[in-house]
């Protein structure tokens, strides 16, 4: 596997110069934000019964823009930003912990909304020349995912950094225009610190200080690229 990736990178860097070099593309796109992991997932069995909490974000539409600079026929540098407004649901089961606080088990379900903003800097490596009518690329780089809005209004932090990997398909419609479809996986963790004391938690009951599990946020997008003059 490592040998295959190395071979693709060698082909990308060694590709001969062409008219495609030095071209800059600007793209706008729309798509779907798919969080594949729970933000918080703590389950246990307590003296009063099941307890714990699950906080998850919902699938939502997204919008974004990117700038791609083609360094060589098979190699490009890419900057992108996306924004999504998603629903957030918390399912909680609080048992008798500590004794006398809540006699249960008692369900404490709440919901809210969140703003999800991503930004990434990636390298695109072509599996075939960009001059082909249809071309495909693998992409990898560094990204951030920021969480804001109602759900996270009483906690600060909420931004995670990590790798982003993906695949890109590009279809040339005309010399200055191309249709571009992408799937990307943002892998990261993030944490928040309460700015208020209990019981004024975010979402009413989510603990103010927390650290998420490993997140896999999938971004599926379709957009139109225009070559800058």
Protein backbone atom coordinates (compact mmCIF):
# COMPACT_ATOMS: atom_id res chain seq x y z
CA UNK A 1 0.00 0.00 0.00
CA UNK A 2 2.77 2.43 0.94
CA UNK A 3 4.63 1.54 -2.24
CA UNK A 4 1.52 2.27 -4.32
CA UNK A 5 1.02 5.70 -2.71
CA UNK A 6 4.72 6.48 -3.21
CA UNK A 7 4.46 5.53 -6.89
CA UNK A 8 1.43 7.81 -7.40
CA UNK A 9 3.26 10.74 -5.75
CA UNK A 10 6.32 10.17 -7.95
CA UNK A 11 4.11 10.21 -11.07
CA UNK A 12 2.42 13.41 -9.87
CA UNK A 13 5.67 15.27 -9.25
CA UNK A 14 7.41 13.90 -12.33
CA UNK A 15 4.58 14.74 -14.71
CA UNK A 16 5.78 16.96 -17.56
CA UNK A 17 4.91 20.67 -17.58
CA UNK A 18 1.73 21.59 -19.42
CA UNK A 19 -0.69 24.44 -19.99
CA UNK A 20 -2.57 23.24 -16.92
CA UNK A 21 0.29 24.27 -14.66
CA UNK A 22 -0.19 27.44 -12.73
CA UNK A 23 -3.98 27.44 -13.26
CA UNK A 24 -6.20 28.44 -10.34
CA UNK A 25 -9.77 27.17 -10.00
CA UNK A 26 -12.47 28.71 -7.82
CA UNK A 27 -15.41 26.51 -6.83
CA UNK A 28 -18.71 26.87 -5.02
CA UNK A 29 -20.54 23.76 -3.93
CA UNK A 30 -23.40 22.27 -1.94
CA UNK A 31 -23.65 18.93 -0.26
CA UNK A 32 -24.42 16.92 2.83
CA UNK A 33 -22.77 16.91 6.25
CA UNK A 34 -22.85 13.42 7.80
CA UNK A 35 -21.51 13.07 11.37
CA UNK A 36 -20.62 9.39 11.73
CA UNK A 37 -19.85 9.39 15.47
CA UNK A 38 -21.56 10.65 18.63
CA UNK A 39 -20.05 13.75 20.22
CA UNK A 40 -20.53 12.19 23.65
CA UNK A 41 -21.36 8.53 24.27
CA UNK A 42 -21.21 7.48 27.91
CA UNK A 43 -23.24 4.49 29.02
CA UNK A 44 -23.16 2.71 32.35
CA UNK A 45 -25.29 0.78 34.82
CA UNK A 46 -25.79 2.69 38.04
CA UNK A 47 -27.40 1.69 41.38
CA UNK A 48 -30.69 3.28 40.31
CA UNK A 49 -30.64 1.72 36.84
CA UNK A 50 -29.12 2.58 33.43
CA UNK A 51 -27.39 5.94 33.28
CA UNK A 52 -25.24 7.97 30.95
CA UNK A 53 -25.74 10.25 28.01
CA UNK A 54 -25.48 10.33 24.23
CA UNK A 55 -25.09 13.60 22.34
CA UNK A 56 -25.32 13.36 18.57
CA UNK A 57 -25.46 15.75 15.65
CA UNK A 58 -27.84 15.24 12.75
CA UNK A 59 -27.25 14.96 9.01
CA UNK A 60 -27.64 18.40 7.42
CA UNK A 61 -27.16 20.29 4.14
CA UNK A 62 -23.95 22.28 3.74
CA UNK A 63 -22.51 24.99 1.52
CA UNK A 64 -18.92 25.92 0.80
CA UNK A 65 -16.21 27.26 -1.43
CA UNK A 66 -12.71 26.19 -2.40
CA UNK A 67 -9.66 27.47 -4.25
CA UNK A 68 -7.43 24.98 -6.07
CA UNK A 69 -4.00 25.84 -7.46
CA UNK A 70 -2.68 23.34 -10.01
CA UNK A 71 1.06 23.03 -9.54
CA UNK A 72 1.46 20.24 -12.08
CA UNK A 73 -0.75 18.14 -14.31
CA UNK A 74 -1.33 15.64 -11.50
CA UNK A 75 -0.67 17.78 -8.44
CA UNK A 76 -2.66 20.60 -6.79
CA UNK A 77 -2.94 22.54 -3.55
CA UNK A 78 -6.48 23.04 -2.28
CA UNK A 79 -8.07 25.31 0.35
CA UNK A 80 -11.73 24.82 1.27
CA UNK A 81 -14.35 26.05 3.75
CA UNK A 82 -17.82 24.67 4.51
CA UNK A 83 -20.75 25.67 6.70
CA UNK A 84 -23.69 23.58 7.94
CA UNK A 85 -26.51 24.22 10.40
CA UNK A 86 -27.38 20.94 12.06
CA UNK A 87 -29.73 19.67 14.71
CA UNK A 88 -28.31 18.23 17.93
CA UNK A 89 -30.04 15.72 20.16
CA UNK A 90 -29.11 14.60 23.65
CA UNK A 91 -30.52 11.44 25.17
CA UNK A 92 -29.77 11.08 28.87
CA UNK A 93 -30.61 8.50 31.51
CA UNK A 94 -29.77 9.78 34.97
CA UNK A 95 -30.05 7.36 37.86
CA UNK A 96 -29.69 7.81 41.62
CA UNK A 97 -26.19 9.32 41.53
CA UNK A 98 -25.41 10.85 43.91
CA UNK A 99 -28.09 9.56 46.24
CA UNK A 100 -31.02 11.93 46.52
CA UNK A 101 -30.21 14.06 43.48
CA UNK A 102 -32.35 12.29 40.92
CA UNK A 103 -34.41 9.25 41.78
CA UNK A 104 -34.73 7.30 38.61
CA UNK A 105 -33.89 6.14 36.04
CA UNK A 106 -35.21 9.37 34.49
CA UNK A 107 -34.99 10.27 30.81
CA UNK A 108 -33.66 13.77 30.18
CA UNK A 109 -33.87 14.31 26.43
CA UNK A 110 -33.15 17.72 24.95
CA UNK A 111 -32.43 19.14 21.50
CA UNK A 112 -30.93 22.22 19.92
CA UNK A 113 -29.06 23.47 16.88
CA UNK A 114 -25.39 23.95 16.07
CA UNK A 115 -23.31 25.70 13.45
CA UNK A 116 -20.54 23.53 12.00
CA UNK A 117 -17.70 25.25 10.14
CA UNK A 118 -14.82 23.37 8.53
CA UNK A 119 -11.65 24.53 6.87
CA UNK A 120 -8.95 22.44 5.22
CA UNK A 121 -5.63 22.67 3.40
CA UNK A 122 -5.03 19.62 1.22
CA UNK A 123 -2.83 18.17 -1.46
CA UNK A 124 -4.58 16.60 -4.47
CA UNK A 125 -2.75 13.84 -6.34
CA UNK A 126 -4.11 12.83 -9.73
CA UNK A 127 -4.61 9.22 -10.75
CA UNK A 128 -4.72 10.44 -14.35
CA UNK A 129 -3.80 13.71 -16.12
CA UNK A 130 -6.04 16.70 -15.47
CA UNK A 131 -6.21 17.28 -19.22
CA UNK A 132 -8.44 14.20 -19.54
CA UNK A 133 -12.16 14.94 -19.78
CA UNK A 134 -12.76 12.84 -16.65
CA UNK A 135 -10.10 12.76 -13.95
CA UNK A 136 -9.84 11.39 -10.42
CA UNK A 137 -7.74 12.37 -7.41
CA UNK A 138 -6.95 11.35 -3.87
CA UNK A 139 -6.72 14.15 -1.32
CA UNK A 140 -5.13 14.47 2.12
CA UNK A 141 -4.28 17.32 4.44
CA UNK A 142 -4.97 19.13 7.71
CA UNK A 143 -8.36 20.50 8.77
CA UNK A 144 -10.29 22.10 11.59
CA UNK A 145 -13.94 21.63 12.57
CA UNK A 146 -15.53 24.36 14.71
CA UNK A 147 -18.78 23.89 16.65
CA UNK A 148 -20.94 26.89 17.57
CA UNK A 149 -24.52 28.06 17.87
CA UNK A 150 -27.21 27.38 20.48
CA UNK A 151 -25.98 23.97 21.56
CA UNK A 152 -22.47 25.14 22.42
CA UNK A 153 -23.38 28.65 23.60
CA UNK A 154 -22.39 28.04 27.23
CA UNK A 155 -19.09 26.30 26.58
CA UNK A 156 -15.91 27.62 25.00
CA UNK A 157 -13.44 25.71 22.86
CA UNK A 158 -15.34 23.26 20.68
CA UNK A 159 -12.83 23.31 17.81
CA UNK A 160 -10.95 20.20 16.76
CA UNK A 161 -7.94 19.75 14.48
CA UNK A 162 -6.95 16.63 12.61
CA UNK A 163 -6.32 14.96 9.26
CA UNK A 164 -8.76 15.01 6.37
CA UNK A 165 -8.70 12.43 3.58
CA UNK A 166 -10.90 12.10 0.55
CA UNK A 167 -11.52 11.36 -3.10
CA UNK A 168 -12.29 13.81 -5.91
CA UNK A 169 -13.88 13.32 -9.30
CA UNK A 170 -13.67 16.06 -11.96
CA UNK A 171 -15.60 16.24 -15.25
CA UNK A 172 -14.59 18.86 -17.81
CA UNK A 173 -17.72 20.58 -19.18
CA UNK A 174 -15.95 23.28 -21.22
CA UNK A 175 -12.42 24.75 -21.23
CA UNK A 176 -13.13 27.09 -18.26
CA UNK A 177 -15.76 24.96 -16.47
CA UNK A 178 -15.69 21.62 -14.65
CA UNK A 179 -18.11 19.65 -12.50
CA UNK A 180 -16.51 18.41 -9.30
CA UNK A 181 -17.77 15.78 -6.86
CA UNK A 182 -16.03 14.98 -3.58
CA UNK A 183 -16.22 12.88 -0.47
CA UNK A 184 -14.04 13.80 2.52
CA UNK A 185 -13.61 12.37 6.01
CA UNK A 186 -12.63 14.81 8.80
CA UNK A 187 -11.03 12.93 11.69
CA UNK A 188 -10.57 14.82 14.97
CA UNK A 189 -11.40 15.25 18.65
CA UNK A 190 -12.54 18.39 20.45
CA UNK A 191 -13.40 19.58 23.94
CA UNK A 192 -15.36 22.33 25.67
CA UNK A 193 -15.06 24.21 28.94
CA UNK A 194 -18.10 25.55 30.80
CA UNK A 195 -18.51 29.31 31.14
CA UNK A 196 -21.44 28.85 33.56
CA UNK A 197 -21.96 26.64 36.59
CA UNK A 198 -24.47 23.79 36.91
CA UNK A 199 -27.35 23.52 36.30
CA UNK A 200 -27.09 26.04 33.43
CA UNK A 201 -25.45 23.56 31.10
CA UNK A 202 -25.44 23.66 27.33
CA UNK A 203 -28.68 22.05 26.11
CA UNK A 204 -29.91 22.31 29.70
CA UNK A 205 -28.28 19.14 30.97
CA UNK A 206 -25.07 18.40 29.09
CA UNK A 207 -22.06 18.60 31.39
CA UNK A 208 -20.19 21.84 30.76
CA UNK A 209 -16.65 20.41 30.72
CA UNK A 210 -16.30 17.57 28.26
CA UNK A 211 -14.06 15.90 25.71
CA UNK A 212 -15.54 14.23 22.66
CA UNK A 213 -14.78 10.81 21.33
CA UNK A 214 -12.99 10.37 18.00
CA UNK A 215 -15.11 12.09 15.35
CA UNK A 216 -15.59 11.10 11.72
CA UNK A 217 -17.46 13.87 9.91
CA UNK A 218 -18.20 13.02 6.28
CA UNK A 219 -18.69 15.80 3.74
CA UNK A 220 -20.23 14.87 0.38
CA UNK A 221 -20.33 17.71 -2.12
CA UNK A 222 -21.07 18.62 -5.73
CA UNK A 223 -19.99 21.91 -7.26
CA UNK A 224 -18.94 23.88 -10.29
CA UNK A 225 -15.31 24.94 -10.79
CA UNK A 226 -14.29 27.96 -12.83
CA UNK A 227 -10.74 28.53 -14.02
CA UNK A 228 -9.60 32.01 -12.99
CA UNK A 229 -8.44 34.16 -15.93
